[in-house]
Amino acid sequence: MHYYPDYYFDFKCIASKCRHNCCIGWEIDIDDDTLSLYKNIEGEFSKRFKDSISFKQTPHFVLDKNERCPFLNDENLCDIICTLGEDYLCDICAQHPRFHNELPNRIESGLGLCCEQACRMILSKKEKLTFVCKKDCKTDDEIILLRDKVISVLQNREKNINKRISDMLSLCDAKPTDYSIERWCNLLLSLECMDEKWTEIIKKTKENYHNADLKAFDEYMQNRQHEYEQFAVYLIYRHFANSPDLSQAKKRACFTKFAYEMLYAIGAVIFSTTNEFDFEAQVEIARLFSSEIEYSDENIYTIYAIF
């Protein structure tokens, strides 16, 4: 059974237009089947593959001095695709930014917020997110059933987003920490850093949040609460049912609250210091959060452990 959000098949890579190219700064492992394919390539590309792949431990592409994939050309396009076609991409490149969670009797797929275009698609969606299932989606799995109720609570637009987050915790009987934004910032600054831009944002949030005009920011964002809703629903969909047991799943509700509060706090500080906070700024914050937290096992499990 394949289960996925309604926007899943609408995604299309924007390639050279992307401001945060996933072929820069990411060391890409090569799966065995694709590696065999590369070994059988003839001609000019044969030597290029041999010179560009490291076979130490897990085979992977060797980044150049600027941390660019050796097949990323000057126009920020992939030479493998341009020359050989998409069928010659390794699994990671072909799938990114998609994720797949194997759950009881189903595989749940989605798009990760670490990709700016996927993030843009998800956060800009003004309609409530719905899910698609090719077969009968009925389940008796208690974690999935609770997850679906949580999503329904988060999509209750008769209430503001803060009340929905609170209702989510009540439904899960989850008790979040009493960490202040400053304390969360201190923790985030102690984690593995993927991008110095994220570090600077967290430092500024820590220094300026207590002076932020939250009332003015709330009024400014009054017609954009769907962005926070979609952000929270994404996190619950991706992480809640993928928990090892029900008690751990409920703690993912606390993780979602933390993530929402950080997204809100960063936005409030940016607005208070610049008097504006447009949609692209929101996308960039969510993208950075995802890259720094979701895509680092060390970082996300450090945060999970707090709950």
Protein backbone atom coordinates (compact mmCIF):
# COMPACT_ATOMS: atom_id res chain seq x y z
CA MET A 1 0.00 0.00 0.00
CA HIS A 2 1.42 3.39 -1.00
CA TYR A 3 0.30 6.45 0.98
CA TYR A 4 1.40 9.99 0.18
CA PRO A 5 0.39 13.69 0.43
CA ASP A 6 -1.68 15.15 -2.39
CA TYR A 7 1.22 17.30 -3.66
CA TYR A 8 3.71 14.42 -3.83
CA PHE A 9 3.76 13.89 -7.59
CA ASP A 10 3.62 17.62 -8.36
CA PHE A 11 7.25 18.12 -7.35
CA LYS A 12 9.76 18.97 -10.04
CA CYS A 13 13.37 19.92 -9.42
CA ILE A 14 14.12 23.52 -10.44
CA ALA A 15 17.73 22.53 -11.22
CA SER A 16 19.98 25.52 -11.95
CA LYS A 17 17.40 27.94 -10.52
CA CYS A 18 17.82 26.44 -7.06
CA ARG A 19 19.62 28.72 -4.60
CA HIS A 20 20.69 25.79 -2.40
CA ASN A 21 21.82 23.14 -4.83
CA CYS A 22 21.75 19.67 -3.26
CA CYS A 23 24.81 18.78 -5.37
CA ILE A 24 26.92 21.18 -3.28
CA GLY A 25 28.11 20.32 0.22
CA TRP A 26 26.50 16.86 0.36
CA GLU A 27 28.67 13.74 0.07
CA ILE A 28 26.54 11.35 -1.98
CA ASP A 29 26.83 7.58 -1.49
CA ILE A 30 26.39 5.35 -4.52
CA ASP A 31 24.23 2.21 -4.31
CA ASP A 32 25.55 -1.10 -5.59
CA ASP A 33 23.30 -1.35 -8.66
CA THR A 34 24.20 2.12 -9.89
CA LEU A 35 27.88 1.49 -9.18
CA SER A 36 27.74 -1.59 -11.44
CA LEU A 37 26.10 0.56 -14.09
CA TYR A 38 28.91 3.12 -13.85
CA LYS A 39 31.58 0.43 -14.10
CA ASN A 40 30.15 -0.70 -17.43
CA ILE A 41 30.11 2.78 -18.97
CA GLU A 42 32.46 3.14 -21.92
CA GLY A 43 34.16 6.11 -23.53
CA GLU A 44 34.96 9.48 -21.96
CA PHE A 45 32.55 9.02 -19.07
CA SER A 46 34.23 5.79 -18.06
CA LYS A 47 37.42 7.60 -17.02
CA ARG A 48 35.43 10.41 -15.48
CA PHE A 49 33.55 8.00 -13.23
CA LYS A 50 36.79 6.30 -12.18
CA ASP A 51 38.36 9.66 -11.29
CA SER A 52 35.29 10.94 -9.43
CA ILE A 53 34.35 8.04 -7.17
CA SER A 54 35.98 7.03 -3.89
CA PHE A 55 35.75 3.37 -2.94
CA LYS A 56 36.81 3.87 0.67
CA GLN A 57 34.13 2.36 2.92
CA THR A 58 30.86 3.21 1.12
CA PRO A 59 31.47 4.27 -2.52
CA HIS A 60 30.67 7.96 -2.99
CA PHE A 61 31.32 10.91 -5.27
CA VAL A 62 34.42 12.92 -4.32
CA LEU A 63 33.53 16.59 -3.91
CA ASP A 64 35.90 19.18 -5.36
CA LYS A 65 37.62 21.93 -3.35
CA ASN A 66 34.41 23.98 -3.44
CA GLU A 67 32.40 20.97 -2.18
CA ARG A 68 30.67 20.58 -5.52
CA CYS A 69 29.76 17.22 -7.00
CA PRO A 70 32.28 16.40 -9.76
CA PHE A 71 29.38 16.06 -12.21
CA LEU A 72 27.83 19.45 -11.43
CA ASN A 73 28.75 21.69 -14.34
CA ASP A 74 29.27 25.46 -14.48
CA GLU A 75 25.58 26.01 -15.21
CA ASN A 76 24.68 24.06 -12.05
CA LEU A 77 23.25 21.21 -14.08
CA CYS A 78 24.08 17.51 -13.70
CA ASP A 79 26.31 16.17 -16.47
CA ILE A 80 25.10 12.65 -15.76
CA ILE A 81 21.53 13.67 -16.58
CA CYS A 82 22.57 15.88 -19.49
CA THR A 83 24.74 13.18 -21.08
CA LEU A 84 23.32 9.83 -20.01
CA GLY A 85 19.82 10.60 -18.71
CA GLU A 86 18.05 10.38 -15.33
CA ASP A 87 18.13 6.56 -15.39
CA TYR A 88 21.86 6.77 -14.59
CA LEU A 89 21.39 8.65 -11.31
CA CYS A 90 22.22 6.81 -8.10
CA ASP A 91 19.31 6.13 -5.74
CA ILE A 92 20.00 9.09 -3.45
CA CYS A 93 20.11 11.59 -6.31
CA ALA A 94 17.07 10.09 -8.02
CA GLN A 95 14.98 10.11 -4.85
CA HIS A 96 15.96 13.41 -3.20
CA PRO A 97 14.07 15.15 -1.62
CA ARG A 98 11.62 12.27 -1.30
CA PHE A 99 11.43 10.14 1.83
CA HIS A 100 9.78 6.77 2.40
CA ASN A 101 8.69 5.36 5.77
CA GLU A 102 7.92 1.64 5.99
CA LEU A 103 4.96 1.24 8.36
CA PRO A 104 2.59 -1.67 9.10
CA ASN A 105 1.07 -2.75 5.77
CA ARG A 106 2.01 0.47 4.01
CA ILE A 107 4.81 2.65 2.71
CA GLU A 108 4.34 6.36 3.37
CA SER A 109 6.16 8.77 1.07
CA GLY A 110 6.66 12.51 1.17
CA LEU A 111 8.90 15.42 0.26
CA GLY A 112 11.53 16.77 2.65
CA LEU A 113 11.63 20.43 3.64
CA CYS A 114 15.40 20.50 3.16
CA CYS A 115 14.71 21.14 -0.53
CA GLU A 116 13.73 24.76 -1.12
CA GLN A 117 11.28 23.94 -3.92
CA ALA A 118 9.60 21.18 -1.92
CA CYS A 119 9.48 23.54 1.07
CA ARG A 120 7.94 26.23 -1.12
CA MET A 121 5.29 23.81 -2.37
CA ILE A 122 4.38 22.58 1.11
CA LEU A 123 4.24 25.88 2.98
CA SER A 124 2.40 27.75 0.22
CA LYS A 125 -0.49 25.28 0.17
CA LYS A 126 -3.53 27.19 1.44
CA GLU A 127 -5.90 24.25 1.30
CA LYS A 128 -5.84 21.59 4.01
CA LEU A 129 -3.45 18.81 3.13
CA THR A 130 -5.09 15.54 2.11
CA PHE A 131 -3.52 12.14 1.57
CA VAL A 132 -3.79 9.67 -1.28
CA CYS A 133 -3.83 5.90 -1.00
CA LYS A 134 -3.97 3.54 -3.97
CA LYS A 135 -5.63 0.76 -1.97
CA ASP A 136 -7.77 0.42 1.15
CA CYS A 137 -6.16 2.66 3.78
CA LYS A 138 -7.96 1.19 6.77
CA THR A 139 -5.63 0.27 9.60
CA ASP A 140 -5.83 -0.85 13.21
CA ASP A 141 -2.34 0.40 14.05
CA GLU A 142 -2.77 2.60 17.13
CA ILE A 143 0.11 4.93 16.28
CA ILE A 144 -1.19 5.64 12.78
CA LEU A 145 -4.74 6.13 14.07
CA LEU A 146 -3.55 8.61 16.69
CA ARG A 147 -1.37 10.35 14.10
CA ASP A 148 -4.40 10.86 11.86
CA LYS A 149 -6.34 12.40 14.77
CA VAL A 150 -3.40 14.71 15.50
CA ILE A 151 -3.37 15.92 11.89
CA SER A 152 -7.10 16.58 12.09
CA VAL A 153 -6.55 18.69 15.22
CA LEU A 154 -3.77 20.66 13.54
CA GLN A 155 -6.07 21.35 10.57
CA ASN A 156 -8.94 22.70 12.69
CA ARG A 157 -9.01 26.24 11.30
CA GLU A 158 -11.73 27.36 13.69
CA LYS A 159 -8.87 27.81 16.17
CA ASN A 160 -5.59 29.72 15.92
CA ILE A 161 -2.41 27.76 15.45
CA ASN A 162 -1.28 28.13 19.08
CA LYS A 163 -4.50 26.54 20.33
CA ARG A 164 -4.18 23.75 17.78
CA ILE A 165 -0.65 23.00 18.98
CA SER A 166 -1.94 22.91 22.56
CA ASP A 167 -4.83 20.61 21.58
CA MET A 168 -2.33 18.31 19.84
CA LEU A 169 -0.35 17.91 23.06
CA SER A 170 -3.52 17.28 25.08
CA LEU A 171 -4.68 14.62 22.63
CA CYS A 172 -1.31 12.88 22.96
CA ASP A 173 -1.15 13.40 26.72
CA ALA A 174 2.28 14.81 26.01
CA LYS A 175 4.17 17.05 28.38
CA PRO A 176 6.66 19.36 26.64
CA THR A 177 9.67 20.82 28.36
CA ASP A 178 9.56 24.27 29.90
CA TYR A 179 12.54 25.39 27.82
CA SER A 180 12.57 29.07 26.95
CA ILE A 181 13.49 30.21 23.45
CA GLU A 182 16.87 31.28 24.80
CA ARG A 183 17.49 27.83 26.24
CA TRP A 184 16.46 26.16 22.98
CA CYS A 185 18.84 28.47 21.14
CA ASN A 186 21.67 27.48 23.45
CA LEU A 187 20.96 23.83 22.71
CA LEU A 188 20.79 24.39 18.96
CA LEU A 189 24.09 26.25 19.04
CA SER A 190 25.70 23.24 20.74
CA LEU A 191 24.69 20.82 17.98
CA GLU A 192 26.53 19.81 14.84
CA CYS A 193 26.46 22.75 12.41
CA MET A 194 25.67 22.14 8.74
CA ASP A 195 25.40 25.76 7.64
CA GLU A 196 26.88 28.85 9.29
CA LYS A 197 23.82 30.81 8.18
CA TRP A 198 21.72 28.75 10.60
CA THR A 199 24.16 29.50 13.42
CA GLU A 200 23.90 33.23 12.77
CA ILE A 201 20.11 33.09 12.71
CA ILE A 202 19.97 31.22 16.02
CA LYS A 203 22.41 33.66 17.63
CA LYS A 204 20.30 36.64 16.53
CA THR A 205 17.13 34.95 17.77
CA LYS A 206 18.70 34.31 21.15
CA GLU A 207 19.87 37.92 21.45
CA ASN A 208 16.72 39.65 20.21
CA TYR A 209 13.67 37.48 20.95
CA HIS A 210 12.95 39.16 24.28
CA ASN A 211 12.63 42.49 22.45
CA ALA A 212 10.45 41.17 19.60
CA ASP A 213 6.99 42.67 19.23
CA LEU A 214 5.04 39.41 19.22
CA LYS A 215 1.64 41.11 19.05
CA ALA A 216 2.63 43.02 15.93
CA PHE A 217 4.07 39.85 14.39
CA ASP A 218 0.86 37.92 15.14
CA GLU A 219 -1.16 40.59 13.35
CA TYR A 220 1.27 40.54 10.42
CA MET A 221 0.98 36.75 10.08
CA GLN A 222 -2.78 36.59 10.66
CA ASN A 223 -3.52 35.53 7.09
CA ARG A 224 -0.52 33.20 6.84
CA GLN A 225 -1.28 30.68 9.58
CA HIS A 226 -1.55 27.99 6.93
CA GLU A 227 2.26 28.13 6.68
CA TYR A 228 2.62 27.02 10.31
CA GLU A 229 -0.18 24.49 9.89
CA GLN A 230 1.50 22.88 6.89
CA PHE A 231 4.86 22.90 8.70
CA ALA A 232 3.40 21.13 11.74
CA VAL A 233 1.38 18.63 9.67
CA TYR A 234 4.51 17.79 7.67
CA LEU A 235 6.49 17.06 10.83
CA ILE A 236 3.74 14.91 12.33
CA TYR A 237 3.27 13.02 9.07
CA ARG A 238 6.97 12.35 8.64
CA HIS A 239 8.04 11.55 12.20
CA PHE A 240 5.05 10.51 14.35
CA ALA A 241 4.13 7.09 12.94
CA ASN A 242 7.79 6.27 12.31
CA SER A 243 8.34 6.03 16.09
CA PRO A 244 9.32 2.73 17.72
CA ASP A 245 6.30 2.71 20.06
CA LEU A 246 3.28 4.80 21.10
CA SER A 247 5.02 6.58 23.97
CA GLN A 248 7.82 7.71 21.67
CA ALA A 249 5.28 8.76 19.04
CA LYS A 250 3.59 11.05 21.55
CA LYS A 251 6.94 12.68 22.23
CA ARG A 252 7.15 13.56 18.54
CA ALA A 253 4.21 15.88 19.25
CA CYS A 254 6.53 17.72 21.66
CA PHE A 255 9.17 17.84 18.94
CA THR A 256 6.61 19.42 16.61
CA LYS A 257 5.75 22.04 19.22
CA PHE A 258 9.45 22.86 19.64
CA ALA A 259 9.92 23.15 15.86
CA TYR A 260 6.88 25.41 15.47
CA GLU A 261 7.99 27.66 18.33
CA MET A 262 11.46 28.04 16.83
CA LEU A 263 10.06 28.82 13.38
CA TYR A 264 7.75 31.41 14.95
CA ALA A 265 10.49 32.93 17.15
CA ILE A 266 12.94 33.32 14.27
CA GLY A 267 10.25 34.92 12.13
CA ALA A 268 9.26 37.28 14.93
CA VAL A 269 12.86 38.44 15.38
CA ILE A 270 13.35 38.99 11.65
CA PHE A 271 10.10 40.97 11.49
CA SER A 272 10.96 43.06 14.55
CA THR A 273 14.39 43.98 13.21
CA THR A 274 13.50 44.53 9.54
CA ASN A 275 9.77 45.33 9.68
CA GLU A 276 9.06 42.63 7.11
CA PHE A 277 8.95 38.87 6.84
CA ASP A 278 7.97 37.60 3.42
CA PHE A 279 7.11 34.07 2.35
CA GLU A 280 10.57 33.35 0.93
CA ALA A 281 12.09 34.20 4.33
CA GLN A 282 9.75 31.64 5.90
CA VAL A 283 10.79 29.04 3.32
CA GLU A 284 14.46 29.66 4.03
CA ILE A 285 14.01 29.23 7.80
CA ALA A 286 12.04 26.01 7.39
CA ARG A 287 14.59 24.71 4.88
CA LEU A 288 17.47 25.44 7.22
CA PHE A 289 15.65 23.85 10.17
CA SER A 290 15.07 20.71 8.15
CA SER A 291 18.66 20.52 6.88
CA GLU A 292 20.16 21.16 10.31
CA ILE A 293 17.84 19.02 12.42
CA GLU A 294 15.95 16.46 10.31
CA TYR A 295 18.91 15.52 8.14
CA SER A 296 21.36 15.02 11.00
CA ASP A 297 20.68 11.86 13.01
CA GLU A 298 22.92 13.17 15.77
CA ASN A 299 21.02 16.45 16.04
CA ILE A 300 17.49 15.13 15.83
CA TYR A 301 18.06 12.33 18.34
CA THR A 302 19.68 14.77 20.75
CA ILE A 303 16.47 16.79 20.65
CA TYR A 304 14.23 13.72 20.81
CA ALA A 305 16.04 12.65 24.00
CA ILE A 306 15.00 15.86 25.78
CA PHE A 307 11.36 14.83 25.64
